Amino acid sequence: MLAAGSGSRMGTPKALVATDSGEFWAAVACRLLLEAGCAHVVVVLGAEASRVVLPTDAAITTVTNDDWPSGMASSLRAGLAAASGDLALVTVVDMPELPVSVVRRMIDAEARLARAVFDGRPGHPVLIGSEHWAAVAASVSGDEGARAYLDAHGVIAVECGDLYDGHDIDVPRR
């Protein structure tokens, strides 16, 4: 789960934004991923990393991306470097309303390269087989994610618009 940015449009790192019940978005995402069936969760932190509170669970590992100001690509590289197993499900912290059903659908897709789409619009989560990790890491830079790599390598679109609208939250709610 990518949660390293400063959240400049939000006014605070999104990993530190709390739900109405006071739980950090990063903690919400960890619980969601574990509930959906992810065996291991790697949380990539950066800005204000020491302030982020996550659930205490042996399945959750944190990685601090000291290069977070350079953009999302460095966080994706850090997360893939810390990943283990055969597949990585990449998601972002700013989707606190993402339902478990979307993550389960992605896992159940049994694909080696898949991206959630919402009424045809690409989004997160993204499923990446381990044979792609090094190439994805080498292909990304700055604030650009893996979209170009995914498109060039036959990513499978997994429609999830019936479960969620795919929005992420970039600015504070009023």
N, C-alpha and C. Protein backbone atom coordinates (compact mmCIF):
# COMPACT_ATOMS: atom_id res chain seq x y z
N MET A 1 0.85 -1.16 0.00
CA MET A 1 0.00 0.00 0.00
C MET A 1 0.89 1.22 0.00
N LEU A 2 0.67 2.10 -0.96
CA LEU A 2 1.49 3.29 -1.11
C LEU A 2 0.90 4.42 -0.27
N ALA A 3 1.69 4.90 0.69
CA ALA A 3 1.20 5.91 1.63
C ALA A 3 2.31 6.86 2.04
N ALA A 4 3.21 7.19 1.12
CA ALA A 4 4.40 7.95 1.49
C ALA A 4 4.31 9.45 1.25
N GLY A 5 3.40 9.89 0.40
CA GLY A 5 3.37 11.30 0.00
C GLY A 5 2.99 12.27 1.09
N SER A 6 3.26 13.54 0.81
CA SER A 6 2.97 14.60 1.77
C SER A 6 1.52 15.05 1.73
N GLY A 7 0.77 14.64 0.70
CA GLY A 7 -0.63 15.05 0.60
C GLY A 7 -0.79 16.54 0.44
N SER A 8 -0.02 17.12 -0.48
CA SER A 8 -0.01 18.58 -0.63
C SER A 8 -1.40 19.16 -0.88
N ARG A 9 -2.22 18.52 -1.69
CA ARG A 9 -3.58 19.02 -1.93
C ARG A 9 -4.48 18.79 -0.73
N MET A 10 -4.16 17.76 0.05
CA MET A 10 -4.96 17.43 1.23
C MET A 10 -4.57 18.33 2.41
N GLY A 11 -3.33 18.80 2.40
CA GLY A 11 -2.85 19.64 3.50
C GLY A 11 -2.14 18.86 4.59
N THR A 12 -2.05 17.54 4.44
CA THR A 12 -1.38 16.66 5.39
C THR A 12 -1.13 15.33 4.69
N PRO A 13 -0.15 14.56 5.13
CA PRO A 13 0.02 13.24 4.52
C PRO A 13 -1.26 12.42 4.65
N LYS A 14 -1.67 11.79 3.55
CA LYS A 14 -2.93 11.04 3.57
C LYS A 14 -2.88 9.86 4.52
N ALA A 15 -1.70 9.35 4.80
CA ALA A 15 -1.58 8.26 5.77
C ALA A 15 -2.02 8.71 7.17
N LEU A 16 -2.01 10.03 7.40
CA LEU A 16 -2.38 10.58 8.70
C LEU A 16 -3.81 11.11 8.75
N VAL A 17 -4.50 11.09 7.63
CA VAL A 17 -5.90 11.52 7.63
C VAL A 17 -6.70 10.45 8.36
N ALA A 18 -7.62 10.89 9.18
CA ALA A 18 -8.41 9.95 9.98
C ALA A 18 -9.86 9.90 9.53
N THR A 19 -10.46 8.76 9.73
CA THR A 19 -11.89 8.59 9.50
C THR A 19 -12.64 9.32 10.61
N ASP A 20 -13.95 9.36 10.50
CA ASP A 20 -14.76 9.99 11.55
C ASP A 20 -14.56 9.30 12.90
N SER A 21 -14.19 8.02 12.88
CA SER A 21 -13.98 7.29 14.13
C SER A 21 -12.56 7.48 14.67
N GLY A 22 -11.71 8.23 13.93
CA GLY A 22 -10.38 8.53 14.41
C GLY A 22 -9.28 7.58 13.94
N GLU A 23 -9.61 6.63 13.09
CA GLU A 23 -8.61 5.67 12.60
C GLU A 23 -7.92 6.24 11.35
N PHE A 24 -6.59 6.16 11.33
CA PHE A 24 -5.85 6.65 10.16
C PHE A 24 -6.23 5.85 8.92
N TRP A 25 -6.26 6.53 7.77
CA TRP A 25 -6.56 5.86 6.50
C TRP A 25 -5.61 4.69 6.26
N ALA A 26 -4.34 4.84 6.65
CA ALA A 26 -3.37 3.76 6.43
C ALA A 26 -3.78 2.51 7.22
N ALA A 27 -4.29 2.70 8.42
CA ALA A 27 -4.74 1.56 9.22
C ALA A 27 -5.99 0.93 8.62
N VAL A 28 -6.88 1.75 8.10
CA VAL A 28 -8.09 1.26 7.44
C VAL A 28 -7.69 0.37 6.26
N ALA A 29 -6.74 0.84 5.47
CA ALA A 29 -6.29 0.08 4.29
C ALA A 29 -5.65 -1.25 4.70
N CYS A 30 -4.87 -1.24 5.76
CA CYS A 30 -4.26 -2.49 6.24
C CYS A 30 -5.33 -3.51 6.61
N ARG A 31 -6.30 -3.08 7.40
CA ARG A 31 -7.37 -3.99 7.80
C ARG A 31 -8.13 -4.53 6.59
N LEU A 32 -8.41 -3.65 5.65
CA LEU A 32 -9.12 -4.04 4.44
C LEU A 32 -8.35 -5.10 3.67
N LEU A 33 -7.07 -4.90 3.47
CA LEU A 33 -6.26 -5.84 2.70
C LEU A 33 -6.18 -7.20 3.39
N LEU A 34 -6.01 -7.19 4.70
CA LEU A 34 -5.97 -8.46 5.44
C LEU A 34 -7.32 -9.17 5.40
N GLU A 35 -8.39 -8.40 5.58
CA GLU A 35 -9.73 -9.00 5.55
C GLU A 35 -10.05 -9.58 4.17
N ALA A 36 -9.52 -8.97 3.13
CA ALA A 36 -9.78 -9.43 1.77
C ALA A 36 -9.00 -10.68 1.41
N GLY A 37 -7.99 -11.01 2.22
CA GLY A 37 -7.25 -12.23 1.97
C GLY A 37 -5.78 -12.06 1.63
N CYS A 38 -5.28 -10.86 1.71
CA CYS A 38 -3.83 -10.66 1.49
C CYS A 38 -3.08 -11.27 2.67
N ALA A 39 -2.10 -12.09 2.36
CA ALA A 39 -1.34 -12.78 3.42
C ALA A 39 -0.34 -11.86 4.10
N HIS A 40 0.12 -10.86 3.39
CA HIS A 40 1.15 -9.96 3.89
C HIS A 40 0.87 -8.57 3.33
N VAL A 41 0.97 -7.55 4.15
CA VAL A 41 0.75 -6.18 3.71
C VAL A 41 2.03 -5.39 3.93
N VAL A 42 2.52 -4.79 2.85
CA VAL A 42 3.68 -3.89 2.92
C VAL A 42 3.14 -2.47 2.79
N VAL A 43 3.41 -1.66 3.80
CA VAL A 43 2.97 -0.27 3.80
C VAL A 43 4.20 0.60 3.54
N VAL A 44 4.16 1.36 2.46
CA VAL A 44 5.28 2.25 2.14
C VAL A 44 4.94 3.63 2.69
N LEU A 45 5.71 4.05 3.69
CA LEU A 45 5.54 5.35 4.34
C LEU A 45 6.66 6.28 3.93
N GLY A 46 6.46 7.56 4.15
CA GLY A 46 7.48 8.55 3.83
C GLY A 46 7.30 9.78 4.70
N ALA A 47 6.54 10.75 4.19
CA ALA A 47 6.29 12.00 4.93
C ALA A 47 5.65 11.68 6.27
N GLU A 48 6.24 12.19 7.34
CA GLU A 48 5.68 12.02 8.69
C GLU A 48 5.50 10.55 9.09
N ALA A 49 6.34 9.68 8.57
CA ALA A 49 6.20 8.23 8.79
C ALA A 49 6.11 7.87 10.27
N SER A 50 6.85 8.54 11.11
CA SER A 50 6.88 8.17 12.52
C SER A 50 5.55 8.43 13.24
N ARG A 51 4.68 9.21 12.64
CA ARG A 51 3.39 9.54 13.26
C ARG A 51 2.27 8.58 12.87
N VAL A 52 2.52 7.74 11.88
CA VAL A 52 1.46 6.85 11.39
C VAL A 52 1.30 5.67 12.33
N VAL A 53 0.07 5.42 12.74
CA VAL A 53 -0.25 4.30 13.61
C VAL A 53 -0.99 3.24 12.79
N LEU A 54 -0.42 2.03 12.80
CA LEU A 54 -1.00 0.91 12.05
C LEU A 54 -1.41 -0.18 13.02
N PRO A 55 -2.28 -1.07 12.58
CA PRO A 55 -2.64 -2.20 13.44
C PRO A 55 -1.41 -3.04 13.77
N THR A 56 -1.37 -3.59 14.96
CA THR A 56 -0.29 -4.48 15.36
C THR A 56 -0.62 -5.86 14.84
N ASP A 57 0.10 -6.28 13.82
CA ASP A 57 -0.16 -7.56 13.18
C ASP A 57 1.13 -8.01 12.50
N ALA A 58 1.53 -9.24 12.73
CA ALA A 58 2.76 -9.75 12.13
C ALA A 58 2.71 -9.76 10.61
N ALA A 59 1.53 -9.68 10.03
CA ALA A 59 1.39 -9.69 8.58
C ALA A 59 1.62 -8.32 7.95
N ILE A 60 1.79 -7.29 8.79
CA ILE A 60 1.98 -5.93 8.29
C ILE A 60 3.45 -5.52 8.47
N THR A 61 4.06 -5.11 7.38
CA THR A 61 5.44 -4.63 7.38
C THR A 61 5.45 -3.20 6.87
N THR A 62 6.25 -2.36 7.49
CA THR A 62 6.39 -1.00 6.98
C THR A 62 7.76 -0.83 6.35
N VAL A 63 7.78 -0.03 5.32
CA VAL A 63 9.02 0.35 4.63
C VAL A 63 8.99 1.87 4.55
N THR A 64 10.08 2.50 4.93
CA THR A 64 10.14 3.95 4.83
C THR A 64 10.87 4.33 3.54
N ASN A 65 10.20 5.11 2.73
CA ASN A 65 10.77 5.60 1.48
C ASN A 65 11.30 7.01 1.73
N ASP A 66 12.59 7.12 1.96
CA ASP A 66 13.19 8.42 2.21
C ASP A 66 13.18 9.31 0.97
N ASP A 67 12.99 8.71 -0.20
CA ASP A 67 12.98 9.46 -1.46
C ASP A 67 11.55 9.84 -1.86
N TRP A 68 10.60 9.80 -0.93
CA TRP A 68 9.21 10.08 -1.26
C TRP A 68 8.99 11.40 -1.99
N PRO A 69 9.79 12.48 -1.74
CA PRO A 69 9.51 13.73 -2.47
C PRO A 69 9.68 13.59 -3.99
N SER A 70 10.39 12.56 -4.44
CA SER A 70 10.62 12.42 -5.88
C SER A 70 9.38 11.91 -6.61
N GLY A 71 8.39 11.42 -5.87
CA GLY A 71 7.14 11.00 -6.51
C GLY A 71 6.77 9.56 -6.22
N MET A 72 5.61 9.18 -6.74
CA MET A 72 5.04 7.87 -6.48
C MET A 72 5.92 6.72 -6.95
N ALA A 73 6.69 6.93 -8.00
CA ALA A 73 7.51 5.84 -8.55
C ALA A 73 8.48 5.29 -7.51
N SER A 74 9.07 6.15 -6.70
CA SER A 74 10.01 5.66 -5.69
C SER A 74 9.29 4.81 -4.65
N SER A 75 8.05 5.14 -4.35
CA SER A 75 7.28 4.34 -3.39
C SER A 75 6.90 2.99 -3.99
N LEU A 76 6.53 2.98 -5.25
CA LEU A 76 6.22 1.72 -5.91
C LEU A 76 7.45 0.82 -5.94
N ARG A 77 8.61 1.40 -6.26
CA ARG A 77 9.86 0.61 -6.25
C ARG A 77 10.14 0.06 -4.86
N ALA A 78 9.98 0.88 -3.83
CA ALA A 78 10.23 0.43 -2.45
C ALA A 78 9.28 -0.68 -2.05
N GLY A 79 8.02 -0.55 -2.42
CA GLY A 79 7.04 -1.57 -2.08
C GLY A 79 7.31 -2.89 -2.79
N LEU A 80 7.63 -2.83 -4.07
CA LEU A 80 7.93 -4.05 -4.81
C LEU A 80 9.21 -4.71 -4.29
N ALA A 81 10.19 -3.90 -3.90
CA ALA A 81 11.44 -4.46 -3.36
C ALA A 81 11.19 -5.21 -2.05
N ALA A 82 10.19 -4.78 -1.29
CA ALA A 82 9.88 -5.41 0.00
C ALA A 82 8.85 -6.53 -0.14
N ALA A 83 8.26 -6.66 -1.31
CA ALA A 83 7.22 -7.67 -1.52
C ALA A 83 7.82 -9.07 -1.50
N SER A 84 6.98 -10.02 -1.16
CA SER A 84 7.39 -11.42 -1.18
C SER A 84 6.25 -12.22 -1.79
N GLY A 85 6.55 -13.45 -2.12
CA GLY A 85 5.52 -14.30 -2.70
C GLY A 85 5.50 -14.20 -4.20
N ASP A 86 4.34 -14.48 -4.76
CA ASP A 86 4.20 -14.61 -6.20
C ASP A 86 3.45 -13.45 -6.85
N LEU A 87 2.65 -12.74 -6.06
CA LEU A 87 1.86 -11.62 -6.57
C LEU A 87 1.91 -10.46 -5.60
N ALA A 88 1.84 -9.26 -6.14
CA ALA A 88 1.69 -8.06 -5.32
C ALA A 88 0.42 -7.35 -5.75
N LEU A 89 -0.39 -7.00 -4.80
CA LEU A 89 -1.58 -6.21 -5.05
C LEU A 89 -1.25 -4.79 -4.59
N VAL A 90 -1.13 -3.88 -5.52
CA VAL A 90 -0.73 -2.51 -5.22
C VAL A 90 -1.98 -1.65 -5.11
N THR A 91 -2.07 -0.94 -3.99
CA THR A 91 -3.16 0.01 -3.81
C THR A 91 -2.61 1.28 -3.17
N VAL A 92 -3.45 2.27 -3.02
CA VAL A 92 -3.03 3.56 -2.50
C VAL A 92 -3.85 3.89 -1.24
N VAL A 93 -3.27 4.72 -0.40
CA VAL A 93 -3.88 5.03 0.89
C VAL A 93 -5.12 5.90 0.77
N ASP A 94 -5.25 6.64 -0.32
CA ASP A 94 -6.33 7.63 -0.39
C ASP A 94 -7.64 7.07 -0.95
N MET A 95 -7.87 5.79 -0.69
CA MET A 95 -9.14 5.16 -1.05
C MET A 95 -9.75 4.50 0.20
N PRO A 96 -10.02 5.29 1.25
CA PRO A 96 -10.48 4.69 2.51
C PRO A 96 -11.85 4.02 2.41
N GLU A 97 -12.58 4.28 1.34
CA GLU A 97 -13.90 3.67 1.18
C GLU A 97 -13.87 2.46 0.25
N LEU A 98 -12.68 2.06 -0.20
CA LEU A 98 -12.55 0.91 -1.08
C LEU A 98 -13.14 -0.32 -0.38
N PRO A 99 -14.10 -0.99 -1.01
CA PRO A 99 -14.69 -2.15 -0.35
C PRO A 99 -13.83 -3.40 -0.49
N VAL A 100 -13.94 -4.27 0.49
CA VAL A 100 -13.25 -5.55 0.48
C VAL A 100 -13.56 -6.31 -0.80
N SER A 101 -14.78 -6.18 -1.29
CA SER A 101 -15.20 -6.92 -2.48
C SER A 101 -14.35 -6.60 -3.71
N VAL A 102 -13.87 -5.37 -3.83
CA VAL A 102 -13.00 -5.01 -4.96
C VAL A 102 -11.67 -5.75 -4.84
N VAL A 103 -11.09 -5.74 -3.67
CA VAL A 103 -9.81 -6.42 -3.47
C VAL A 103 -9.97 -7.92 -3.71
N ARG A 104 -11.04 -8.49 -3.20
CA ARG A 104 -11.28 -9.93 -3.42
C ARG A 104 -11.44 -10.24 -4.91
N ARG A 105 -12.15 -9.39 -5.63
CA ARG A 105 -12.32 -9.62 -7.07
C ARG A 105 -10.97 -9.59 -7.77
N MET A 106 -10.12 -8.67 -7.36
CA MET A 106 -8.78 -8.59 -7.98
C MET A 106 -7.99 -9.86 -7.67
N ILE A 107 -7.99 -10.29 -6.43
CA ILE A 107 -7.27 -11.50 -6.05
C ILE A 107 -7.82 -12.70 -6.81
N ASP A 108 -9.13 -12.77 -6.92
CA ASP A 108 -9.78 -13.89 -7.60
C ASP A 108 -9.58 -13.88 -9.11
N ALA A 109 -9.09 -12.78 -9.65
CA ALA A 109 -8.88 -12.68 -11.10
C ALA A 109 -7.82 -13.68 -11.58
N GLU A 110 -6.97 -14.12 -10.66
CA GLU A 110 -5.93 -15.10 -10.99
C GLU A 110 -5.12 -14.67 -12.21
N ALA A 111 -4.82 -13.40 -12.29
CA ALA A 111 -4.05 -12.84 -13.40
C ALA A 111 -2.65 -12.49 -12.92
N ARG A 112 -1.74 -12.36 -13.83
CA ARG A 112 -0.36 -11.99 -13.51
C ARG A 112 -0.13 -10.49 -13.68
N LEU A 113 -1.06 -9.83 -14.36
CA LEU A 113 -0.99 -8.39 -14.56
C LEU A 113 -2.43 -7.90 -14.78
N ALA A 114 -3.01 -7.30 -13.76
CA ALA A 114 -4.41 -6.88 -13.83
C ALA A 114 -4.59 -5.55 -13.12
N ARG A 115 -5.58 -4.80 -13.61
CA ARG A 115 -5.86 -3.49 -13.04
C ARG A 115 -7.37 -3.36 -12.85
N ALA A 116 -7.77 -2.88 -11.68
CA ALA A 116 -9.18 -2.59 -11.47
C ALA A 116 -9.58 -1.44 -12.38
N VAL A 117 -10.73 -1.58 -12.99
CA VAL A 117 -11.30 -0.47 -13.75
C VAL A 117 -12.71 -0.24 -13.23
N PHE A 118 -13.11 1.00 -13.27
CA PHE A 118 -14.39 1.41 -12.73
C PHE A 118 -15.17 2.09 -13.84
N ASP A 119 -16.14 1.38 -14.36
CA ASP A 119 -16.88 1.83 -15.55
C ASP A 119 -15.90 2.18 -16.67
N GLY A 120 -14.90 1.32 -16.82
CA GLY A 120 -13.90 1.47 -17.88
C GLY A 120 -12.72 2.36 -17.55
N ARG A 121 -12.76 3.09 -16.43
CA ARG A 121 -11.66 3.99 -16.04
C ARG A 121 -10.65 3.23 -15.20
N PRO A 122 -9.37 3.25 -15.60
CA PRO A 122 -8.35 2.53 -14.82
C PRO A 122 -8.15 3.13 -13.44
N GLY A 123 -7.85 2.26 -12.48
CA GLY A 123 -7.63 2.72 -11.12
C GLY A 123 -6.84 1.71 -10.32
N HIS A 124 -7.07 1.70 -9.02
CA HIS A 124 -6.41 0.77 -8.10
C HIS A 124 -7.47 -0.08 -7.44
N PRO A 125 -7.10 -1.27 -7.04
CA PRO A 125 -5.78 -1.88 -6.97
C PRO A 125 -5.31 -2.44 -8.32
N VAL A 126 -4.00 -2.73 -8.32
CA VAL A 126 -3.33 -3.34 -9.47
C VAL A 126 -2.65 -4.60 -8.99
N LEU A 127 -2.78 -5.66 -9.74
CA LEU A 127 -2.19 -6.95 -9.41
C LEU A 127 -0.98 -7.16 -10.32
N ILE A 128 0.18 -7.43 -9.71
CA ILE A 128 1.42 -7.57 -10.49
C ILE A 128 2.11 -8.87 -10.08
N GLY A 129 2.30 -9.76 -11.05
CA GLY A 129 3.03 -11.00 -10.81
C GLY A 129 4.50 -10.72 -10.58
N SER A 130 5.13 -11.56 -9.77
CA SER A 130 6.54 -11.34 -9.39
C SER A 130 7.48 -11.26 -10.59
N GLU A 131 7.15 -11.93 -11.69
CA GLU A 131 8.01 -11.87 -12.88
C GLU A 131 8.03 -10.48 -13.50
N HIS A 132 7.12 -9.59 -13.10
CA HIS A 132 7.06 -8.22 -13.62
C HIS A 132 7.68 -7.19 -12.67
N TRP A 133 7.95 -7.57 -11.42
CA TRP A 133 8.36 -6.57 -10.43
C TRP A 133 9.58 -5.77 -10.85
N ALA A 134 10.63 -6.42 -11.27
CA ALA A 134 11.86 -5.70 -11.63
C ALA A 134 11.63 -4.78 -12.83
N ALA A 135 10.91 -5.27 -13.82
CA ALA A 135 10.66 -4.46 -15.01
C ALA A 135 9.75 -3.27 -14.69
N VAL A 136 8.74 -3.48 -13.85
CA VAL A 136 7.88 -2.37 -13.44
C VAL A 136 8.72 -1.34 -12.70
N ALA A 137 9.52 -1.79 -11.75
CA ALA A 137 10.36 -0.86 -10.97
C ALA A 137 11.29 -0.06 -11.87
N ALA A 138 11.83 -0.69 -12.89
CA ALA A 138 12.74 0.00 -13.81
C ALA A 138 12.01 0.95 -14.74
N SER A 139 10.72 0.73 -14.95
CA SER A 139 9.98 1.53 -15.93
C SER A 139 9.35 2.80 -15.37
N VAL A 140 9.28 2.93 -14.07
CA VAL A 140 8.58 4.07 -13.48
C VAL A 140 9.55 5.17 -13.06
N SER A 141 9.05 6.40 -13.09
CA SER A 141 9.86 7.52 -12.62
C SER A 141 8.96 8.67 -12.20
N GLY A 142 9.49 9.48 -11.30
CA GLY A 142 8.75 10.66 -10.84
C GLY A 142 7.40 10.31 -10.27
N ASP A 143 6.39 11.03 -10.71
CA ASP A 143 5.04 10.81 -10.22
C ASP A 143 4.23 9.92 -11.15
N GLU A 144 4.91 9.29 -12.08
CA GLU A 144 4.23 8.38 -13.00
C GLU A 144 4.23 6.98 -12.42
N GLY A 145 3.09 6.36 -12.40
CA GLY A 145 2.97 4.99 -11.94
C GLY A 145 3.28 4.02 -13.07
N ALA A 146 2.74 2.85 -12.98
CA ALA A 146 3.07 1.77 -13.91
C ALA A 146 2.12 1.70 -15.11
N ARG A 147 1.30 2.70 -15.33
CA ARG A 147 0.29 2.64 -16.40
C ARG A 147 0.90 2.28 -17.75
N ALA A 148 1.99 2.93 -18.15
CA ALA A 148 2.59 2.65 -19.46
C ALA A 148 3.06 1.20 -19.54
N TYR A 149 3.68 0.71 -18.48
CA TYR A 149 4.14 -0.68 -18.47
C TYR A 149 2.94 -1.62 -18.56
N LEU A 150 1.93 -1.37 -17.78
CA LEU A 150 0.76 -2.23 -17.78
C LEU A 150 0.13 -2.29 -19.17
N ASP A 151 -0.05 -1.12 -19.78
CA ASP A 151 -0.67 -1.07 -21.10
C ASP A 151 0.17 -1.79 -22.15
N ALA A 152 1.49 -1.66 -22.05
CA ALA A 152 2.39 -2.26 -23.03
C ALA A 152 2.52 -3.78 -22.86
N HIS A 153 2.13 -4.28 -21.70
CA HIS A 153 2.32 -5.70 -21.41
C HIS A 153 1.02 -6.47 -21.21
N GLY A 154 -0.05 -5.97 -21.80
CA GLY A 154 -1.30 -6.72 -21.84
C GLY A 154 -2.04 -6.84 -20.53
N VAL A 155 -2.07 -5.77 -19.76
CA VAL A 155 -2.81 -5.80 -18.49
C VAL A 155 -4.26 -6.20 -18.73
N ILE A 156 -4.77 -7.00 -17.84
CA ILE A 156 -6.17 -7.41 -17.90
C ILE A 156 -6.99 -6.42 -17.08
N ALA A 157 -8.04 -5.91 -17.68
CA ALA A 157 -8.94 -4.99 -16.99
C ALA A 157 -9.96 -5.81 -16.22
N VAL A 158 -10.05 -5.56 -14.93
CA VAL A 158 -11.03 -6.24 -14.08
C VAL A 158 -12.07 -5.20 -13.68
N GLU A 159 -13.23 -5.28 -14.31
CA GLU A 159 -14.28 -4.30 -14.06
C GLU A 159 -14.80 -4.43 -12.63
N CYS A 160 -14.77 -3.30 -11.91
CA CYS A 160 -15.22 -3.27 -10.52
C CYS A 160 -16.23 -2.15 -10.28
N GLY A 161 -16.69 -1.52 -11.37
CA GLY A 161 -17.63 -0.41 -11.25
C GLY A 161 -18.95 -0.78 -10.61
N ASP A 162 -19.29 -2.07 -10.61
CA ASP A 162 -20.52 -2.50 -9.95
C ASP A 162 -20.36 -2.57 -8.44
N LEU A 163 -19.10 -2.47 -7.97
CA LEU A 163 -18.81 -2.58 -6.54
C LEU A 163 -18.42 -1.25 -5.89
N TYR A 164 -17.91 -0.33 -6.71
CA TYR A 164 -17.33 0.92 -6.17
C TYR A 164 -17.14 1.88 -7.33
N ASP A 165 -17.05 3.15 -7.04
CA ASP A 165 -16.86 4.11 -8.13
C ASP A 165 -15.39 4.40 -8.44
N GLY A 166 -14.48 3.87 -7.64
CA GLY A 166 -13.05 4.01 -7.92
C GLY A 166 -12.41 5.32 -7.52
N HIS A 167 -13.13 6.18 -6.83
CA HIS A 167 -12.56 7.50 -6.52
C HIS A 167 -11.52 7.41 -5.39
N ASP A 168 -10.52 8.26 -5.55
CA ASP A 168 -9.59 8.49 -4.45
C ASP A 168 -9.84 9.89 -3.95
N ILE A 169 -9.39 10.17 -2.74
CA ILE A 169 -9.67 11.46 -2.12
C ILE A 169 -8.40 12.29 -2.10
N ASP A 170 -8.41 13.37 -2.85
CA ASP A 170 -7.22 14.21 -2.95
C ASP A 170 -7.31 15.52 -2.19
N VAL A 171 -8.51 15.92 -1.84
CA VAL A 171 -8.70 17.17 -1.12
C VAL A 171 -9.60 16.93 0.08
N PRO A 172 -9.48 17.76 1.11
CA PRO A 172 -10.32 17.55 2.30
C PRO A 172 -11.79 17.65 1.96
N ARG A 173 -12.59 16.86 2.63
CA ARG A 173 -14.04 16.94 2.48
C ARG A 173 -14.55 18.11 3.31
N ARG A 174 -15.57 18.70 2.82
CA ARG A 174 -16.14 19.85 3.54
C ARG A 174 -17.47 19.49 4.13
